[in-house]
C-alpha atoms as a PDB file:
ATOM      1  CA  MET A   1     -29.311 -86.353  44.936  1.00  0.00           C
ATOM      2  CA  ILE A   2     -29.899 -88.467  48.095  1.00  0.00           C
ATOM      3  CA  ARG A   3     -30.685 -85.298  49.555  1.00  0.00           C
ATOM      4  CA  LEU A   4     -33.538 -83.941  46.904  1.00  0.00           C
ATOM      5  CA  ILE A   5     -34.687 -87.651  47.774  1.00  0.00           C
ATOM      6  CA  LEU A   6     -34.767 -87.282  51.684  1.00  0.00           C
ATOM      7  CA  ILE A   7     -36.601 -83.728  51.525  1.00  0.00           C
ATOM      8  CA  LEU A   8     -39.583 -84.975  49.125  1.00  0.00           C
ATOM      9  CA  LEU A   9     -39.291 -88.395  50.391  1.00  0.00           C
ATOM     10  CA  PHE A  10     -40.957 -86.228  54.413  1.00  0.00           C
ATOM     11  CA  LEU A  11     -42.390 -83.721  52.487  1.00  0.00           C
ATOM     12  CA  VAL A  12     -45.161 -86.719  51.069  1.00  0.00           C
ATOM     13  CA  VAL A  13     -44.913 -87.887  55.064  1.00  0.00           C
ATOM     14  CA  PHE A  14     -45.563 -85.616  56.373  1.00  0.00           C
ATOM     15  CA  PHE A  15     -48.826 -83.633  53.930  1.00  0.00           C
ATOM     16  CA  LEU A  16     -50.254 -87.158  54.943  1.00  0.00           C
ATOM     17  CA  ILE A  17     -50.071 -87.444  58.222  1.00  0.00           C
ATOM     18  CA  SER A  18     -50.931 -83.499  58.417  1.00  0.00           C
ATOM     19  CA  ILE A  19     -54.147 -84.366  56.725  1.00  0.00           C
ATOM     20  CA  PRO A  20     -56.438 -85.645  60.265  1.00  0.00           C
ATOM     21  CA  ILE A  21     -54.109 -82.346  61.137  1.00  0.00           C
ATOM     22  CA  TYR A  22     -56.017 -80.132  59.639  1.00  0.00           C
ATOM     23  CA  LEU A  23     -59.887 -81.108  60.539  1.00  0.00           C
ATOM     24  CA  VAL A  24     -57.818 -80.174  64.355  1.00  0.00           C
ATOM     25  CA  GLU A  25     -56.596 -77.083  63.638  1.00  0.00           C
ATOM     26  CA  TRP A  26     -59.495 -75.784  61.404  1.00  0.00           C
ATOM     27  CA  LEU A  27     -61.646 -76.979  64.941  1.00  0.00           C
ATOM     28  CA  ILE A  28     -58.975 -75.520  67.215  1.00  0.00           C
ATOM     29  CA  GLY A  29     -59.512 -71.805  65.091  1.00  0.00           C
ATOM     30  CA  LYS A  30     -62.884 -72.688  65.709  1.00  0.00           C
ATOM     31  CA  ARG A  31     -62.915 -71.893  69.708  1.00  0.00           C
ATOM     32  CA  ASN A  32     -59.687 -69.762  69.336  1.00  0.00           C
ATOM     33  CA  PRO A  33     -58.631 -68.024  66.527  1.00  0.00           C
ATOM     34  CA  GLN A  34     -54.774 -66.802  68.345  1.00  0.00           C
ATOM     35  CA  LEU A  35     -54.186 -71.306  69.632  1.00  0.00           C
ATOM     36  CA  ARG A  36     -54.283 -72.003  66.505  1.00  0.00           C
ATOM     37  CA  ASP A  37     -52.208 -69.295  64.790  1.00  0.00           C
ATOM     38  CA  ARG A  38     -49.186 -70.780  67.686  1.00  0.00           C
ATOM     39  CA  SER A  39     -50.289 -74.336  67.059  1.00  0.00           C
ATOM     40  CA  SER A  40     -49.698 -74.365  63.079  1.00  0.00           C
ATOM     41  CA  LEU A  41     -46.807 -72.006  63.576  1.00  0.00           C
ATOM     42  CA  ALA A  42     -44.743 -74.691  66.113  1.00  0.00           C
ATOM     43  CA  ILE A  43     -45.497 -77.524  63.058  1.00  0.00           C
ATOM     44  CA  VAL A  44     -44.269 -75.839  60.229  1.00  0.00           C
ATOM     45  CA  ARG A  45     -41.361 -74.120  62.220  1.00  0.00           C
ATOM     46  CA  VAL A  46     -40.421 -78.559  63.321  1.00  0.00           C
ATOM     47  CA  ALA A  47     -41.769 -78.412  59.339  1.00  0.00           C
ATOM     48  CA  CYS A  48     -39.337 -76.390  58.166  1.00  0.00           C
ATOM     49  CA  ARG A  49     -36.643 -76.500  60.009  1.00  0.00           C
ATOM     50  CA  ILE A  50     -36.267 -80.595  59.715  1.00  0.00           C
ATOM     51  CA  VAL A  51     -35.878 -79.670  56.120  1.00  0.00           C
ATOM     52  CA  GLY A  52     -33.237 -77.199  56.559  1.00  0.00           C
ATOM     53  CA  PHE A  53     -31.127 -80.845  58.311  1.00  0.00           C
ATOM     54  CA  LEU A  54     -32.525 -82.847  54.740  1.00  0.00           C
ATOM     55  CA  ALA A  55     -30.624 -80.315  53.096  1.00  0.00           C
ATOM     56  CA  GLY A  56     -27.939 -80.008  55.622  1.00  0.00           C
ATOM     57  CA  ILE A  57     -27.431 -76.528  55.827  1.00  0.00           C
ATOM     58  CA  ARG A  58     -24.976 -74.940  58.681  1.00  0.00           C
ATOM     59  CA  LEU A  59     -27.226 -72.090  59.569  1.00  0.00           C
ATOM     60  CA  THR A  60     -26.001 -68.759  61.345  1.00  0.00           C
ATOM     61  CA  VAL A  61     -28.448 -66.417  62.514  1.00  0.00           C
ATOM     62  CA  LYS A  62     -27.370 -62.754  64.055  1.00  0.00           C
ATOM     63  CA  GLY A  63     -28.913 -59.949  64.567  1.00  0.00           C
ATOM     64  CA  LEU A  64     -32.020 -61.984  66.403  1.00  0.00           C
ATOM     65  CA  ASP A  65     -31.894 -59.791  69.613  1.00  0.00           C
ATOM     66  CA  ASN A  66     -32.950 -56.983  67.585  1.00  0.00           C
ATOM     67  CA  VAL A  67     -36.413 -57.962  66.875  1.00  0.00           C
ATOM     68  CA  PRO A  68     -38.869 -57.205  68.847  1.00  0.00           C
ATOM     69  CA  LYS A  69     -40.718 -59.264  71.394  1.00  0.00           C
ATOM     70  CA  ASP A  70     -43.487 -58.030  72.469  1.00  0.00           C
ATOM     71  CA  ARG A  71     -45.302 -56.534  69.458  1.00  0.00           C
ATOM     72  CA  PRO A  72     -45.719 -57.242  65.937  1.00  0.00           C
ATOM     73  CA  VAL A  73     -43.157 -55.950  63.507  1.00  0.00           C
ATOM     74  CA  LEU A  74     -42.864 -55.738  59.039  1.00  0.00           C
ATOM     75  CA  PHE A  75     -39.644 -58.513  58.632  1.00  0.00           C
ATOM     76  CA  ILE A  76     -38.640 -56.404  55.275  1.00  0.00           C
ATOM     77  CA  GLY A  77     -36.565 -58.857  53.040  1.00  0.00           C
ATOM     78  CA  ASN A  78     -34.588 -60.315  49.924  1.00  0.00           C
ATOM     79  CA  HIS A  79     -35.190 -63.326  48.296  1.00  0.00           C
ATOM     80  CA  ARG A  80     -32.641 -65.266  46.521  1.00  0.00           C
ATOM     81  CA  SER A  81     -35.034 -69.274  46.965  1.00  0.00           C
ATOM     82  CA  PHE A  82     -37.527 -71.106  48.097  1.00  0.00           C
ATOM     83  CA  PHE A  83     -34.887 -72.188  51.125  1.00  0.00           C
ATOM     84  CA  ASP A  84     -35.777 -68.306  51.953  1.00  0.00           C
ATOM     85  CA  ILE A  85     -38.573 -69.802  53.900  1.00  0.00           C
ATOM     86  CA  ILE A  86     -37.639 -72.871  54.852  1.00  0.00           C
ATOM     87  CA  VAL A  87     -34.411 -70.816  57.133  1.00  0.00           C
ATOM     88  CA  THR A  88     -36.370 -68.282  58.355  1.00  0.00           C
ATOM     89  CA  TYR A  89     -39.796 -69.500  59.135  1.00  0.00           C
ATOM     90  CA  PRO A  90     -37.978 -71.878  62.250  1.00  0.00           C
ATOM     91  CA  LEU A  91     -37.182 -67.910  63.898  1.00  0.00           C
ATOM     92  CA  MET A  92     -40.050 -66.270  64.344  1.00  0.00           C
ATOM     93  CA  ALA A  93     -41.486 -66.561  67.653  1.00  0.00           C
ATOM     94  CA  ARG A  94     -44.964 -65.416  66.975  1.00  0.00           C
ATOM     95  CA  PRO A  95     -47.393 -65.617  64.534  1.00  0.00           C
ATOM     96  CA  THR A  96     -46.020 -64.587  61.635  1.00  0.00           C
ATOM     97  CA  GLY A  97     -47.097 -64.655  58.224  1.00  0.00           C
ATOM     98  CA  PHE A  98     -45.472 -64.349  54.383  1.00  0.00           C
ATOM     99  CA  LEU A  99     -46.624 -62.297  51.125  1.00  0.00           C
ATOM    100  CA  ALA A 100     -46.035 -65.429  48.811  1.00  0.00           C
ATOM    101  CA  LYS A 101     -47.225 -65.010  44.972  1.00  0.00           C
ATOM    102  CA  ILE A 102     -51.091 -66.523  44.160  1.00  0.00           C
ATOM    103  CA  GLU A 103     -50.010 -69.517  42.345  1.00  0.00           C
ATOM    104  CA  LEU A 104     -49.142 -71.105  46.086  1.00  0.00           C
ATOM    105  CA  LYS A 105     -52.597 -70.652  46.970  1.00  0.00           C
ATOM    106  CA  LYS A 106     -53.408 -73.919  44.092  1.00  0.00           C
ATOM    107  CA  VAL A 107     -50.898 -76.226  45.902  1.00  0.00           C
ATOM    108  CA  PRO A 108     -53.023 -79.033  47.882  1.00  0.00           C
ATOM    109  CA  PHE A 109     -51.904 -79.041  51.674  1.00  0.00           C
ATOM    110  CA  LEU A 110     -49.369 -76.375  51.266  1.00  0.00           C
ATOM    111  CA  ALA A 111     -51.356 -73.952  50.914  1.00  0.00           C
ATOM    112  CA  TRP A 112     -53.625 -75.333  53.578  1.00  0.00           C
ATOM    113  CA  TRP A 113     -50.854 -74.842  56.267  1.00  0.00           C
ATOM    114  CA  MET A 114     -50.229 -71.366  54.624  1.00  0.00           C
ATOM    115  CA  TYR A 115     -53.250 -70.076  54.933  1.00  0.00           C
ATOM    116  CA  PHE A 116     -53.543 -71.844  59.357  1.00  0.00           C
ATOM    117  CA  VAL A 117     -50.808 -69.323  59.802  1.00  0.00           C
ATOM    118  CA  ASN A 118     -51.699 -66.500  57.704  1.00  0.00           C
ATOM    119  CA  CYS A 119     -50.290 -65.742  55.146  1.00  0.00           C
ATOM    120  CA  LEU A 120     -51.799 -63.828  52.761  1.00  0.00           C
ATOM    121  CA  PHE A 121     -51.403 -64.570  48.212  1.00  0.00           C
ATOM    122  CA  LEU A 122     -50.557 -60.926  46.191  1.00  0.00           C
ATOM    123  CA  ASP A 123     -51.789 -61.455  42.480  1.00  0.00           C
ATOM    124  CA  ARG A 124     -48.814 -58.791  41.422  1.00  0.00           C
ATOM    125  CA  LYS A 125     -50.907 -59.093  37.736  1.00  0.00           C
ATOM    126  CA  ASP A 126     -53.702 -56.714  38.775  1.00  0.00           C
ATOM    127  CA  ASN A 127     -53.345 -54.320  41.685  1.00  0.00           C
ATOM    128  CA  ARG A 128     -57.225 -53.643  43.044  1.00  0.00           C
ATOM    129  CA  GLN A 129     -56.000 -57.272  44.456  1.00  0.00           C
ATOM    130  CA  GLY A 130     -52.673 -56.436  45.674  1.00  0.00           C
ATOM    131  CA  LEU A 131     -54.209 -52.929  46.902  1.00  0.00           C
ATOM    132  CA  GLN A 132     -56.944 -55.426  49.475  1.00  0.00           C
ATOM    133  CA  VAL A 133     -53.206 -57.612  50.124  1.00  0.00           C
ATOM    134  CA  ILE A 134     -51.947 -55.169  51.358  1.00  0.00           C
ATOM    135  CA  LEU A 135     -54.875 -53.656  53.105  1.00  0.00           C
ATOM    136  CA  ALA A 136     -55.375 -56.871  54.812  1.00  0.00           C
ATOM    137  CA  ALA A 137     -51.682 -57.490  55.534  1.00  0.00           C
ATOM    138  CA  ILE A 138     -52.555 -53.629  57.323  1.00  0.00           C
ATOM    139  CA  ASP A 139     -55.662 -55.430  59.557  1.00  0.00           C
ATOM    140  CA  LYS A 140     -53.573 -58.164  60.980  1.00  0.00           C
ATOM    141  CA  ILE A 141     -50.366 -56.116  62.001  1.00  0.00           C
ATOM    142  CA  LYS A 142     -53.533 -55.156  63.863  1.00  0.00           C
ATOM    143  CA  ASN A 143     -54.340 -57.703  65.450  1.00  0.00           C
ATOM    144  CA  GLY A 144     -50.704 -59.539  66.423  1.00  0.00           C
ATOM    145  CA  ILE A 145     -49.190 -61.128  63.195  1.00  0.00           C
ATOM    146  CA  SER A 146     -46.015 -59.624  62.511  1.00  0.00           C
ATOM    147  CA  ILE A 147     -45.718 -60.809  58.013  1.00  0.00           C
ATOM    148  CA  VAL A 148     -42.427 -60.971  56.269  1.00  0.00           C
ATOM    149  CA  ILE A 149     -42.371 -58.800  52.593  1.00  0.00           C
ATOM    150  CA  PHE A 150     -40.137 -59.847  50.121  1.00  0.00           C
ATOM    151  CA  PRO A 151     -40.139 -55.743  47.650  1.00  0.00           C
ATOM    152  CA  GLU A 152     -38.844 -57.360  44.823  1.00  0.00           C
ATOM    153  CA  GLY A 153     -41.202 -58.940  43.841  1.00  0.00           C
ATOM    154  CA  THR A 154     -40.772 -61.802  42.832  1.00  0.00           C
ATOM    155  CA  ARG A 155     -37.205 -64.630  43.435  1.00  0.00           C
ATOM    156  CA  ASN A 156     -34.508 -62.377  42.539  1.00  0.00           C
ATOM    157  CA  LYS A 157     -31.940 -64.010  39.815  1.00  0.00           C
ATOM    158  CA  GLU A 158     -28.964 -61.737  39.111  1.00  0.00           C
ATOM    159  CA  ALA A 159     -26.378 -63.400  40.109  1.00  0.00           C
ATOM    160  CA  SER A 160     -24.903 -61.055  42.672  1.00  0.00           C
ATOM    161  CA  GLN A 161     -27.098 -61.004  45.666  1.00  0.00           C
ATOM    162  CA  LEU A 162     -26.067 -57.498  45.935  1.00  0.00           C
ATOM    163  CA  ASP A 163     -27.990 -56.265  42.980  1.00  0.00           C
ATOM    164  CA  LEU A 164     -31.103 -56.253  44.309  1.00  0.00           C
ATOM    165  CA  LEU A 165     -34.378 -55.419  42.349  1.00  0.00           C
ATOM    166  CA  PRO A 166     -36.323 -52.716  42.727  1.00  0.00           C
ATOM    167  CA  PHE A 167     -38.278 -52.073  45.841  1.00  0.00           C
ATOM    168  CA  HIS A 168     -41.996 -52.476  46.056  1.00  0.00           C
ATOM    169  CA  GLU A 169     -43.190 -49.293  47.559  1.00  0.00           C
ATOM    170  CA  GLY A 170     -46.453 -50.600  48.156  1.00  0.00           C
ATOM    171  CA  SER A 171     -45.183 -52.649  50.503  1.00  0.00           C
ATOM    172  CA  PHE A 172     -44.349 -50.262  53.257  1.00  0.00           C
ATOM    173  CA  LYS A 173     -47.326 -49.270  53.500  1.00  0.00           C
ATOM    174  CA  VAL A 174     -48.169 -52.139  55.949  1.00  0.00           C
ATOM    175  CA  ALA A 175     -45.619 -50.208  58.070  1.00  0.00           C
ATOM    176  CA  THR A 176     -46.275 -47.251  57.968  1.00  0.00           C
ATOM    177  CA  ARG A 177     -49.586 -47.267  58.186  1.00  0.00           C
ATOM    178  CA  SER A 178     -50.508 -50.367  61.148  1.00  0.00           C
ATOM    179  CA  GLY A 179     -47.697 -47.671  62.937  1.00  0.00           C
ATOM    180  CA  CYS A 180     -45.320 -51.568  63.336  1.00  0.00           C
ATOM    181  CA  PRO A 181     -41.914 -51.308  63.099  1.00  0.00           C
ATOM    182  CA  VAL A 182     -40.016 -52.422  60.165  1.00  0.00           C
ATOM    183  CA  VAL A 183     -37.230 -54.640  61.215  1.00  0.00           C
ATOM    184  CA  PRO A 184     -34.390 -55.787  57.451  1.00  0.00           C
ATOM    185  CA  MET A 185     -34.071 -59.702  57.054  1.00  0.00           C
ATOM    186  CA  ALA A 186     -31.298 -60.470  55.164  1.00  0.00           C
ATOM    187  CA  ILE A 187     -30.137 -63.716  53.789  1.00  0.00           C
ATOM    188  CA  SER A 188     -27.005 -64.797  51.816  1.00  0.00           C
ATOM    189  CA  GLY A 189     -26.369 -67.933  50.770  1.00  0.00           C
ATOM    190  CA  THR A 190     -29.762 -69.564  49.591  1.00  0.00           C
ATOM    191  CA  SER A 191     -29.761 -69.974  45.954  1.00  0.00           C
ATOM    192  CA  ALA A 192     -26.347 -71.869  46.805  1.00  0.00           C
ATOM    193  CA  VAL A 193     -28.581 -74.780  47.649  1.00  0.00           C
ATOM    194  CA  PHE A 194     -30.995 -75.970  45.145  1.00  0.00           C
ATOM    195  CA  GLU A 195     -31.746 -72.862  42.501  1.00  0.00           C
ATOM    196  CA  ASP A 196     -27.744 -72.962  41.275  1.00  0.00           C
ATOM    197  CA  HIS A 197     -27.796 -76.483  39.906  1.00  0.00           C
ATOM    198  CA  MET A 198     -30.771 -77.606  40.599  1.00  0.00           C
ATOM    199  CA  PRO A 199     -32.087 -80.169  40.554  1.00  0.00           C
ATOM    200  CA  TRP A 200     -29.646 -81.023  43.344  1.00  0.00           C
ATOM    201  CA  VAL A 201     -29.527 -79.912  46.892  1.00  0.00           C
ATOM    202  CA  ARG A 202     -25.915 -78.869  47.960  1.00  0.00           C
ATOM    203  CA  SER A 203     -25.207 -78.388  52.274  1.00  0.00           C
ATOM    204  CA  VAL A 204     -24.062 -74.758  52.697  1.00  0.00           C
ATOM    205  CA  PRO A 205     -23.898 -72.118  54.954  1.00  0.00           C
ATOM    206  CA  VAL A 206     -26.261 -69.477  54.917  1.00  0.00           C
ATOM    207  CA  THR A 207     -26.932 -66.526  56.691  1.00  0.00           C
ATOM    208  CA  VAL A 208     -30.132 -65.029  58.508  1.00  0.00           C
ATOM    209  CA  THR A 209     -28.401 -61.377  59.317  1.00  0.00           C
ATOM    210  CA  PHE A 210     -32.083 -59.090  61.096  1.00  0.00           C
ATOM    211  CA  GLY A 211     -31.345 -55.820  61.596  1.00  0.00           C
ATOM    212  CA  GLU A 212     -31.668 -53.615  64.162  1.00  0.00           C
ATOM    213  CA  PRO A 213     -35.890 -52.428  64.151  1.00  0.00           C
ATOM    214  CA  ILE A 214     -36.669 -48.457  61.745  1.00  0.00           C
ATOM    215  CA  GLU A 215     -39.789 -47.712  63.904  1.00  0.00           C
ATOM    216  CA  THR A 216     -42.477 -46.031  61.869  1.00  0.00           C
ATOM    217  CA  ALA A 217     -44.587 -44.402  64.124  1.00  0.00           C
ATOM    218  CA  GLU A 218     -43.807 -40.587  63.943  1.00  0.00           C
ATOM    219  CA  LEU A 219     -42.237 -40.340  60.734  1.00  0.00           C
ATOM    220  CA  ASP A 220     -43.620 -37.340  58.397  1.00  0.00           C
ATOM    221  CA  ARG A 221     -44.553 -37.465  55.119  1.00  0.00           C
ATOM    222  CA  ALA A 222     -41.256 -36.940  53.642  1.00  0.00           C
ATOM    223  CA  GLN A 223     -39.643 -39.541  56.120  1.00  0.00           C
ATOM    224  CA  GLN A 224     -42.326 -43.215  55.433  1.00  0.00           C
ATOM    225  CA  LYS A 225     -40.732 -41.602  51.088  1.00  0.00           C
ATOM    226  CA  GLN A 226     -37.870 -42.311  52.453  1.00  0.00           C
ATOM    227  CA  LEU A 227     -38.198 -45.441  54.451  1.00  0.00           C
ATOM    228  CA  SER A 228     -37.983 -47.436  51.131  1.00  0.00           C
ATOM    229  CA  GLY A 229     -33.647 -46.872  50.641  1.00  0.00           C
ATOM    230  CA  LYS A 230     -33.441 -46.809  53.578  1.00  0.00           C
ATOM    231  CA  VAL A 231     -34.197 -50.567  54.304  1.00  0.00           C
ATOM    232  CA  ARG A 232     -32.810 -49.989  51.226  1.00  0.00           C
ATOM    233  CA  GLU A 233     -29.064 -49.252  52.273  1.00  0.00           C
ATOM    234  CA  GLN A 234     -29.056 -51.616  55.154  1.00  0.00           C
ATOM    235  CA  LEU A 235     -29.867 -55.266  53.582  1.00  0.00           C
ATOM    236  CA  LEU A 236     -27.274 -54.128  51.108  1.00  0.00           C
ATOM    237  CA  GLU A 237     -25.218 -53.342  54.660  1.00  0.00           C
ATOM    238  CA  MET A 238     -25.944 -56.301  56.210  1.00  0.00           C
ATOM    239  CA  LEU A 239     -25.224 -58.639  53.301  1.00  0.00           C
ATOM    240  CA  LYS A 240     -22.211 -56.883  52.500  1.00  0.00           C
ATOM    241  CA  ASN A 241     -21.063 -58.597  55.695  1.00  0.00           C
ATOM    242  CA  SER A 242     -22.913 -61.045  55.549  1.00  0.00           C
END
């Protein structure tokens, strides 16, 4: 229980301190959006590291060198826990937005930071809005911002992390229509931090593995249709070895 209390206390303090920072970041964004992206990412990365430390997460990172440093990418990951974002955001070297459920847009303080770091909010019940979000993600990629998508569409609660839910094919249009690489991102162990025994937070080992990038710029139509299956196979292989 002490870990949960410490995390909640930190979040309360962080969000209170954030109130004047929001104004500063907003003003920076008016003059220099790229600087705002970098500064907001730096702040969020530090906050996530502190939450991970308070949770006692023992993180192992594999394959980080596989992530291109000179261009934006589409990260495709499996989704098991709220802590998936906590452990992966500090690993993002360049401005990166996550595709998140629209319900988070209503959460005060958190939603503002998500806006500043280029997150997009998806209404899974509205196909038309979903298409608009995909187009917005493509636009962000073209403007140098990486995107993280969990194509299962929701947090996977299956007993085994190898039982991936079906992928939403629309997720991969962000890569095929922008021509950016796809980087598979396998996250293992995060559900054991919190979801497996709520409300307790436990210190456990967590592994994040980045696969080799899949270039999409020159894929023909048939290869584009096979992209989802190819990424799924890579994720499963990385999860087995994590």
